Amino acid sequence: MDQREAIVAVVRRCERVLVIQRGPAARLPGYWVPLSGKLDPGETQAEALVREVREEVGLKVTPIAKVWESQTEDAAFVLHW
């Protein structure tokens, strides 16, 4: 099975980290999670991060560093934090 790629945005201001509550139509509705999303074909991790944050909460961000890499529990996605 080919793993797809997704980003997880760790958006910090001072000592706070931005999380959102998943909507009723989302996977795991009601959970509080960091912003995340799939990479589009040909998109870099940084481009996906900027796009997802803008789409989900309307903020303009500048990626600083990749802090972690993991995979989903079912191994379907590689997550770039």
PDB file of N, CA and C in Angstrom:
ATOM      1  N   MET A   1       0.842  -1.179   0.000  1.00  0.00           N
ATOM      2  CA  MET A   1       0.000   0.000   0.000  1.00  0.00           C
ATOM      3  C   MET A   1       0.891   1.248   0.000  1.00  0.00           C
ATOM      4  N   ASP A   2       0.619   2.180  -0.894  1.00  0.00           N
ATOM      5  CA  ASP A   2       1.367   3.432  -0.943  1.00  0.00           C
ATOM      6  C   ASP A   2       0.869   4.372   0.148  1.00  0.00           C
ATOM      7  N   GLN A   3       1.825   4.958   0.868  1.00  0.00           N
ATOM      8  CA  GLN A   3       1.458   5.944   1.880  1.00  0.00           C
ATOM      9  C   GLN A   3       1.271   7.300   1.217  1.00  0.00           C
ATOM     10  N   ARG A   4       0.227   8.009   1.606  1.00  0.00           N
ATOM     11  CA  ARG A   4       0.027   9.383   1.161  1.00  0.00           C
ATOM     12  C   ARG A   4       0.697  10.293   2.177  1.00  0.00           C
ATOM     13  N   GLU A   5       0.877  11.554   1.804  1.00  0.00           N
ATOM     14  CA  GLU A   5       1.531  12.507   2.693  1.00  0.00           C
ATOM     15  C   GLU A   5       0.547  13.572   3.150  1.00  0.00           C
ATOM     16  N   ALA A   6       0.715  14.006   4.389  1.00  0.00           N
ATOM     17  CA  ALA A   6      -0.107  15.068   4.955  1.00  0.00           C
ATOM     18  C   ALA A   6       0.758  15.921   5.872  1.00  0.00           C
ATOM     19  N   ILE A   7       0.287  17.137   6.102  1.00  0.00           N
ATOM     20  CA  ILE A   7       0.992  18.018   7.034  1.00  0.00           C
ATOM     21  C   ILE A   7       0.150  18.195   8.296  1.00  0.00           C
ATOM     22  N   VAL A   8       0.837  18.472   9.388  1.00  0.00           N
ATOM     23  CA  VAL A   8       0.200  18.864  10.638  1.00  0.00           C
ATOM     24  C   VAL A   8       0.862  20.177  11.030  1.00  0.00           C
ATOM     25  N   ALA A   9       0.068  21.229  11.154  1.00  0.00           N
ATOM     26  CA  ALA A   9       0.604  22.562  11.426  1.00  0.00           C
ATOM     27  C   ALA A   9       0.662  22.815  12.929  1.00  0.00           C
ATOM     28  N   VAL A  10       1.861  23.022  13.431  1.00  0.00           N
ATOM     29  CA  VAL A  10       2.049  23.384  14.835  1.00  0.00           C
ATOM     30  C   VAL A  10       2.185  24.905  14.847  1.00  0.00           C
ATOM     31  N   VAL A  11       1.044  25.576  15.042  1.00  0.00           N
ATOM     32  CA  VAL A  11       1.002  27.044  15.007  1.00  0.00           C
ATOM     33  C   VAL A  11       1.070  27.539  16.452  1.00  0.00           C
ATOM     34  N   ARG A  12       2.183  28.225  16.755  1.00  0.00           N
ATOM     35  CA  ARG A  12       2.418  28.692  18.129  1.00  0.00           C
ATOM     36  C   ARG A  12       2.423  30.204  18.197  1.00  0.00           C
ATOM     37  N   ARG A  13       1.940  30.720  19.307  1.00  0.00           N
ATOM     38  CA  ARG A  13       2.093  32.123  19.655  1.00  0.00           C
ATOM     39  C   ARG A  13       2.381  32.134  21.155  1.00  0.00           C
ATOM     40  N   CYS A  14       3.554  32.614  21.500  1.00  0.00           N
ATOM     41  CA  CYS A  14       4.031  32.559  22.893  1.00  0.00           C
ATOM     42  C   CYS A  14       4.007  31.104  23.350  1.00  0.00           C
ATOM     43  N   GLU A  15       3.270  30.807  24.389  1.00  0.00           N
ATOM     44  CA  GLU A  15       3.225  29.439  24.915  1.00  0.00           C
ATOM     45  C   GLU A  15       1.946  28.708  24.515  1.00  0.00           C
ATOM     46  N   ARG A  16       1.205  29.237  23.543  1.00  0.00           N
ATOM     47  CA  ARG A  16      -0.045  28.625  23.113  1.00  0.00           C
ATOM     48  C   ARG A  16       0.119  27.953  21.754  1.00  0.00           C
ATOM     49  N   VAL A  17      -0.642  26.862  21.561  1.00  0.00           N
ATOM     50  CA  VAL A  17      -0.654  26.137  20.298  1.00  0.00           C
ATOM     51  C   VAL A  17      -2.093  26.136  19.786  1.00  0.00           C
ATOM     52  N   LEU A  18      -2.262  26.448  18.485  1.00  0.00           N
ATOM     53  CA  LEU A  18      -3.582  26.511  17.887  1.00  0.00           C
ATOM     54  C   LEU A  18      -4.113  25.107  17.598  1.00  0.00           C
ATOM     55  N   VAL A  19      -5.321  24.819  18.086  1.00  0.00           N
ATOM     56  CA  VAL A  19      -6.031  23.582  17.763  1.00  0.00           C
ATOM     57  C   VAL A  19      -7.452  23.955  17.354  1.00  0.00           C
ATOM     58  N   ILE A  20      -8.088  23.078  16.602  1.00  0.00           N
ATOM     59  CA  ILE A  20      -9.469  23.286  16.185  1.00  0.00           C
ATOM     60  C   ILE A  20     -10.281  22.055  16.559  1.00  0.00           C
ATOM     61  N   GLN A  21     -11.598  22.244  16.677  1.00  0.00           N
ATOM     62  CA  GLN A  21     -12.470  21.110  16.965  1.00  0.00           C
ATOM     63  C   GLN A  21     -13.019  20.580  15.646  1.00  0.00           C
ATOM     64  N   ARG A  22     -12.865  19.287  15.424  1.00  0.00           N
ATOM     65  CA  ARG A  22     -13.335  18.671  14.179  1.00  0.00           C
ATOM     66  C   ARG A  22     -14.854  18.770  14.089  1.00  0.00           C
ATOM     67  N   GLY A  23     -15.329  19.089  12.882  1.00  0.00           N
ATOM     68  CA  GLY A  23     -16.761  19.224  12.631  1.00  0.00           C
ATOM     69  C   GLY A  23     -17.461  17.883  12.550  1.00  0.00           C
ATOM     70  N   PRO A  24     -18.792  17.916  12.487  1.00  0.00           N
ATOM     71  CA  PRO A  24     -19.580  16.673  12.492  1.00  0.00           C
ATOM     72  C   PRO A  24     -19.350  15.781  11.270  1.00  0.00           C
ATOM     73  N   ALA A  25     -18.936  16.355  10.147  1.00  0.00           N
ATOM     74  CA  ALA A  25     -18.717  15.558   8.933  1.00  0.00           C
ATOM     75  C   ALA A  25     -17.284  15.033   8.827  1.00  0.00           C
ATOM     76  N   ALA A  26     -16.404  15.466   9.716  1.00  0.00           N
ATOM     77  CA  ALA A  26     -14.991  15.082   9.659  1.00  0.00           C
ATOM     78  C   ALA A  26     -14.776  13.706  10.293  1.00  0.00           C
ATOM     79  N   ARG A  27     -13.639  13.122   9.958  1.00  0.00           N
ATOM     80  CA  ARG A  27     -13.214  11.883  10.632  1.00  0.00           C
ATOM     81  C   ARG A  27     -12.948  12.237  12.094  1.00  0.00           C
ATOM     82  N   LEU A  28     -13.397  11.423  13.020  1.00  0.00           N
ATOM     83  CA  LEU A  28     -13.272  11.673  14.462  1.00  0.00           C
ATOM     84  C   LEU A  28     -13.919  13.006  14.861  1.00  0.00           C
ATOM     85  N   PRO A  29     -15.205  13.198  14.589  1.00  0.00           N
ATOM     86  CA  PRO A  29     -15.873  14.457  14.901  1.00  0.00           C
ATOM     87  C   PRO A  29     -15.805  14.786  16.394  1.00  0.00           C
ATOM     88  N   GLY A  30     -15.649  16.083  16.671  1.00  0.00           N
ATOM     89  CA  GLY A  30     -15.622  16.550  18.054  1.00  0.00           C
ATOM     90  C   GLY A  30     -14.244  16.592  18.692  1.00  0.00           C
ATOM     91  N   TYR A  31     -13.258  15.885  18.111  1.00  0.00           N
ATOM     92  CA  TYR A  31     -11.913  15.888  18.672  1.00  0.00           C
ATOM     93  C   TYR A  31     -11.241  17.246  18.452  1.00  0.00           C
ATOM     94  N   TRP A  32     -10.410  17.649  19.409  1.00  0.00           N
ATOM     95  CA  TRP A  32      -9.598  18.861  19.286  1.00  0.00           C
ATOM     96  C   TRP A  32      -8.234  18.456  18.738  1.00  0.00           C
ATOM     97  N   VAL A  33      -7.827  19.066  17.614  1.00  0.00           N
ATOM     98  CA  VAL A  33      -6.618  18.648  16.906  1.00  0.00           C
ATOM     99  C   VAL A  33      -5.889  19.847  16.309  1.00  0.00           C
ATOM    100  N   PRO A  34      -4.595  19.698  15.999  1.00  0.00           N
ATOM    101  CA  PRO A  34      -3.908  20.747  15.242  1.00  0.00           C
ATOM    102  C   PRO A  34      -4.466  20.782  13.815  1.00  0.00           C
ATOM    103  N   LEU A  35      -4.232  21.872  13.116  1.00  0.00           N
ATOM    104  CA  LEU A  35      -4.619  21.979  11.713  1.00  0.00           C
ATOM    105  C   LEU A  35      -3.838  20.944  10.916  1.00  0.00           C
ATOM    106  N   SER A  36      -4.487  20.344   9.925  1.00  0.00           N
ATOM    107  CA  SER A  36      -3.801  19.340   9.123  1.00  0.00           C
ATOM    108  C   SER A  36      -4.481  19.205   7.770  1.00  0.00           C
ATOM    109  N   GLY A  37      -3.800  18.527   6.859  1.00  0.00           N
ATOM    110  CA  GLY A  37      -4.381  18.287   5.550  1.00  0.00           C
ATOM    111  C   GLY A  37      -3.426  17.546   4.644  1.00  0.00           C
ATOM    112  N   LYS A  38      -3.978  17.016   3.577  1.00  0.00           N
ATOM    113  CA  LYS A  38      -3.214  16.235   2.606  1.00  0.00           C
ATOM    114  C   LYS A  38      -2.432  17.148   1.666  1.00  0.00           C
ATOM    115  N   LEU A  39      -1.289  16.664   1.229  1.00  0.00           N
ATOM    116  CA  LEU A  39      -0.535  17.362   0.187  1.00  0.00           C
ATOM    117  C   LEU A  39      -1.210  17.126  -1.147  1.00  0.00           C
ATOM    118  N   ASP A  40      -1.353  18.180  -1.945  1.00  0.00           N
ATOM    119  CA  ASP A  40      -1.848  18.049  -3.309  1.00  0.00           C
ATOM    120  C   ASP A  40      -0.698  17.575  -4.197  1.00  0.00           C
ATOM    121  N   PRO A  41      -1.000  16.944  -5.318  1.00  0.00           N
ATOM    122  CA  PRO A  41       0.060  16.498  -6.225  1.00  0.00           C
ATOM    123  C   PRO A  41       0.976  17.655  -6.633  1.00  0.00           C
ATOM    124  N   GLY A  42       2.302  17.432  -6.537  1.00  0.00           N
ATOM    125  CA  GLY A  42       3.288  18.440  -6.906  1.00  0.00           C
ATOM    126  C   GLY A  42       3.508  19.533  -5.877  1.00  0.00           C
ATOM    127  N   GLU A  43       2.821  19.484  -4.754  1.00  0.00           N
ATOM    128  CA  GLU A  43       2.917  20.511  -3.714  1.00  0.00           C
ATOM    129  C   GLU A  43       3.990  20.132  -2.696  1.00  0.00           C
ATOM    130  N   THR A  44       4.758  21.120  -2.249  1.00  0.00           N
ATOM    131  CA  THR A  44       5.744  20.858  -1.202  1.00  0.00           C
ATOM    132  C   THR A  44       5.050  20.834   0.156  1.00  0.00           C
ATOM    133  N   GLN A  45       5.757  20.327   1.158  1.00  0.00           N
ATOM    134  CA  GLN A  45       5.209  20.325   2.508  1.00  0.00           C
ATOM    135  C   GLN A  45       4.931  21.750   2.979  1.00  0.00           C
ATOM    136  N   ALA A  46       5.852  22.669   2.717  1.00  0.00           N
ATOM    137  CA  ALA A  46       5.671  24.063   3.133  1.00  0.00           C
ATOM    138  C   ALA A  46       4.469  24.695   2.436  1.00  0.00           C
ATOM    139  N   GLU A  47       4.313  24.440   1.146  1.00  0.00           N
ATOM    140  CA  GLU A  47       3.163  24.991   0.408  1.00  0.00           C
ATOM    141  C   GLU A  47       1.843  24.440   0.956  1.00  0.00           C
ATOM    142  N   ALA A  48       1.823  23.152   1.263  1.00  0.00           N
ATOM    143  CA  ALA A  48       0.611  22.535   1.814  1.00  0.00           C
ATOM    144  C   ALA A  48       0.271  23.131   3.171  1.00  0.00           C
ATOM    145  N   LEU A  49       1.287  23.358   3.997  1.00  0.00           N
ATOM    146  CA  LEU A  49       1.063  23.931   5.317  1.00  0.00           C
ATOM    147  C   LEU A  49       0.449  25.328   5.205  1.00  0.00           C
ATOM    148  N   VAL A  50       1.025  26.175   4.374  1.00  0.00           N
ATOM    149  CA  VAL A  50       0.517  27.542   4.186  1.00  0.00           C
ATOM    150  C   VAL A  50      -0.924  27.497   3.671  1.00  0.00           C
ATOM    151  N   ARG A  51      -1.189  26.649   2.685  1.00  0.00           N
ATOM    152  CA  ARG A  51      -2.531  26.540   2.097  1.00  0.00           C
ATOM    153  C   ARG A  51      -3.549  26.046   3.115  1.00  0.00           C
ATOM    154  N   GLU A  52      -3.221  24.982   3.833  1.00  0.00           N
ATOM    155  CA  GLU A  52      -4.167  24.409   4.791  1.00  0.00           C
ATOM    156  C   GLU A  52      -4.516  25.385   5.910  1.00  0.00           C
ATOM    157  N   VAL A  53      -3.530  26.084   6.451  1.00  0.00           N
ATOM    158  CA  VAL A  53      -3.798  27.046   7.520  1.00  0.00           C
ATOM    159  C   VAL A  53      -4.697  28.174   6.997  1.00  0.00           C
ATOM    160  N   ARG A  54      -4.394  28.657   5.788  1.00  0.00           N
ATOM    161  CA  ARG A  54      -5.217  29.721   5.192  1.00  0.00           C
ATOM    162  C   ARG A  54      -6.647  29.228   4.966  1.00  0.00           C
ATOM    163  N   GLU A  55      -6.797  28.027   4.402  1.00  0.00           N
ATOM    164  CA  GLU A  55      -8.126  27.480   4.125  1.00  0.00           C
ATOM    165  C   GLU A  55      -8.930  27.226   5.398  1.00  0.00           C
ATOM    166  N   GLU A  56      -8.282  26.697   6.411  1.00  0.00           N
ATOM    167  CA  GLU A  56      -9.014  26.273   7.602  1.00  0.00           C
ATOM    168  C   GLU A  56      -9.318  27.395   8.581  1.00  0.00           C
ATOM    169  N   VAL A  57      -8.398  28.346   8.731  1.00  0.00           N
ATOM    170  CA  VAL A  57      -8.644  29.406   9.729  1.00  0.00           C
ATOM    171  C   VAL A  57      -8.356  30.814   9.220  1.00  0.00           C
ATOM    172  N   GLY A  58      -7.939  30.951   7.957  1.00  0.00           N
ATOM    173  CA  GLY A  58      -7.736  32.277   7.388  1.00  0.00           C
ATOM    174  C   GLY A  58      -6.489  33.009   7.830  1.00  0.00           C
ATOM    175  N   LEU A  59      -5.525  32.303   8.423  1.00  0.00           N
ATOM    176  CA  LEU A  59      -4.289  32.942   8.867  1.00  0.00           C
ATOM    177  C   LEU A  59      -3.202  32.811   7.803  1.00  0.00           C
ATOM    178  N   LYS A  60      -2.327  33.820   7.742  1.00  0.00           N
ATOM    179  CA  LYS A  60      -1.158  33.763   6.877  1.00  0.00           C
ATOM    180  C   LYS A  60       0.026  33.362   7.757  1.00  0.00           C
ATOM    181  N   VAL A  61       0.674  32.257   7.400  1.00  0.00           N
ATOM    182  CA  VAL A  61       1.800  31.760   8.195  1.00  0.00           C
ATOM    183  C   VAL A  61       3.020  31.567   7.313  1.00  0.00           C
ATOM    184  N   THR A  62       4.164  31.544   7.965  1.00  0.00           N
ATOM    185  CA  THR A  62       5.431  31.258   7.308  1.00  0.00           C
ATOM    186  C   THR A  62       6.051  30.052   7.998  1.00  0.00           C
ATOM    187  N   PRO A  63       6.234  28.947   7.287  1.00  0.00           N
ATOM    188  CA  PRO A  63       6.844  27.770   7.909  1.00  0.00           C
ATOM    189  C   PRO A  63       8.270  28.078   8.382  1.00  0.00           C
ATOM    190  N   ILE A  64       8.622  27.577   9.559  1.00  0.00           N
ATOM    191  CA  ILE A  64       9.947  27.813  10.124  1.00  0.00           C
ATOM    192  C   ILE A  64      10.796  26.546  10.072  1.00  0.00           C
ATOM    193  N   ALA A  65      10.224  25.447  10.551  1.00  0.00           N
ATOM    194  CA  ALA A  65      11.006  24.201  10.601  1.00  0.00           C
ATOM    195  C   ALA A  65      10.076  23.007  10.690  1.00  0.00           C
ATOM    196  N   LYS A  66      10.541  21.898  10.160  1.00  0.00           N
ATOM    197  CA  LYS A  66       9.839  20.631  10.347  1.00  0.00           C
ATOM    198  C   LYS A  66      10.293  20.096  11.699  1.00  0.00           C
ATOM    199  N   VAL A  67       9.330  19.755  12.554  1.00  0.00           N
ATOM    200  CA  VAL A  67       9.689  19.350  13.911  1.00  0.00           C
ATOM    201  C   VAL A  67       9.555  17.855  14.179  1.00  0.00           C
ATOM    202  N   TRP A  68       8.840  17.151  13.293  1.00  0.00           N
ATOM    203  CA  TRP A  68       8.626  15.736  13.565  1.00  0.00           C
ATOM    204  C   TRP A  68       8.042  15.074  12.336  1.00  0.00           C
ATOM    205  N   GLU A  69       8.187  13.773  12.238  1.00  0.00           N
ATOM    206  CA  GLU A  69       7.542  12.987  11.197  1.00  0.00           C
ATOM    207  C   GLU A  69       7.023  11.718  11.844  1.00  0.00           C
ATOM    208  N   SER A  70       5.792  11.374  11.524  1.00  0.00           N
ATOM    209  CA  SER A  70       5.184  10.167  12.074  1.00  0.00           C
ATOM    210  C   SER A  70       4.264   9.583  11.004  1.00  0.00           C
ATOM    211  N   GLN A  71       3.541   8.551  11.372  1.00  0.00           N
ATOM    212  CA  GLN A  71       2.545   8.025  10.448  1.00  0.00           C
ATOM    213  C   GLN A  71       1.242   7.816  11.200  1.00  0.00           C
ATOM    214  N   THR A  72       0.156   7.758  10.457  1.00  0.00           N
ATOM    215  CA  THR A  72      -1.136   7.517  11.084  1.00  0.00           C
ATOM    216  C   THR A  72      -1.180   6.093  11.619  1.00  0.00           C
ATOM    217  N   GLU A  73      -2.114   5.865  12.515  1.00  0.00           N
ATOM    218  CA  GLU A  73      -2.239   4.565  13.161  1.00  0.00           C
ATOM    219  C   GLU A  73      -2.410   3.423  12.155  1.00  0.00           C
ATOM    220  N   ASP A  74      -3.129   3.704  11.071  1.00  0.00           N
ATOM    221  CA  ASP A  74      -3.357   2.678  10.054  1.00  0.00           C
ATOM    222  C   ASP A  74      -2.262   2.657   8.978  1.00  0.00           C
ATOM    223  N   ALA A  75      -1.236   3.492   9.133  1.00  0.00           N
ATOM    224  CA  ALA A  75      -0.104   3.593   8.214  1.00  0.00           C
ATOM    225  C   ALA A  75      -0.484   4.084   6.815  1.00  0.00           C
ATOM    226  N   ALA A  76      -1.648   4.710   6.689  1.00  0.00           N
ATOM    227  CA  ALA A  76      -2.098   5.212   5.392  1.00  0.00           C
ATOM    228  C   ALA A  76      -1.387   6.517   5.015  1.00  0.00           C
ATOM    229  N   PHE A  77      -0.963   7.286   6.024  1.00  0.00           N
ATOM    230  CA  PHE A  77      -0.351   8.600   5.772  1.00  0.00           C
ATOM    231  C   PHE A  77       0.954   8.758   6.535  1.00  0.00           C
ATOM    232  N   VAL A  78       1.921   9.406   5.897  1.00  0.00           N
ATOM    233  CA  VAL A  78       3.090   9.944   6.575  1.00  0.00           C
ATOM    234  C   VAL A  78       2.711  11.371   6.952  1.00  0.00           C
ATOM    235  N   LEU A  79       2.882  11.724   8.230  1.00  0.00           N
ATOM    236  CA  LEU A  79       2.538  13.056   8.721  1.00  0.00           C
ATOM    237  C   LEU A  79       3.811  13.866   8.911  1.00  0.00           C
ATOM    238  N   HIS A  80       3.857  15.027   8.298  1.00  0.00           N
ATOM    239  CA  HIS A  80       4.993  15.952   8.431  1.00  0.00           C
ATOM    240  C   HIS A  80       4.549  17.089   9.351  1.00  0.00           C
ATOM    241  N   TRP A  81       5.142  17.141  10.533  1.00  0.00           N
ATOM    242  CA  TRP A  81       4.777  18.157  11.522  1.00  0.00           C
ATOM    243  C   TRP A  81       5.719  19.327  11.397  1.00  0.00           C
TER     244      TRP A  81
END
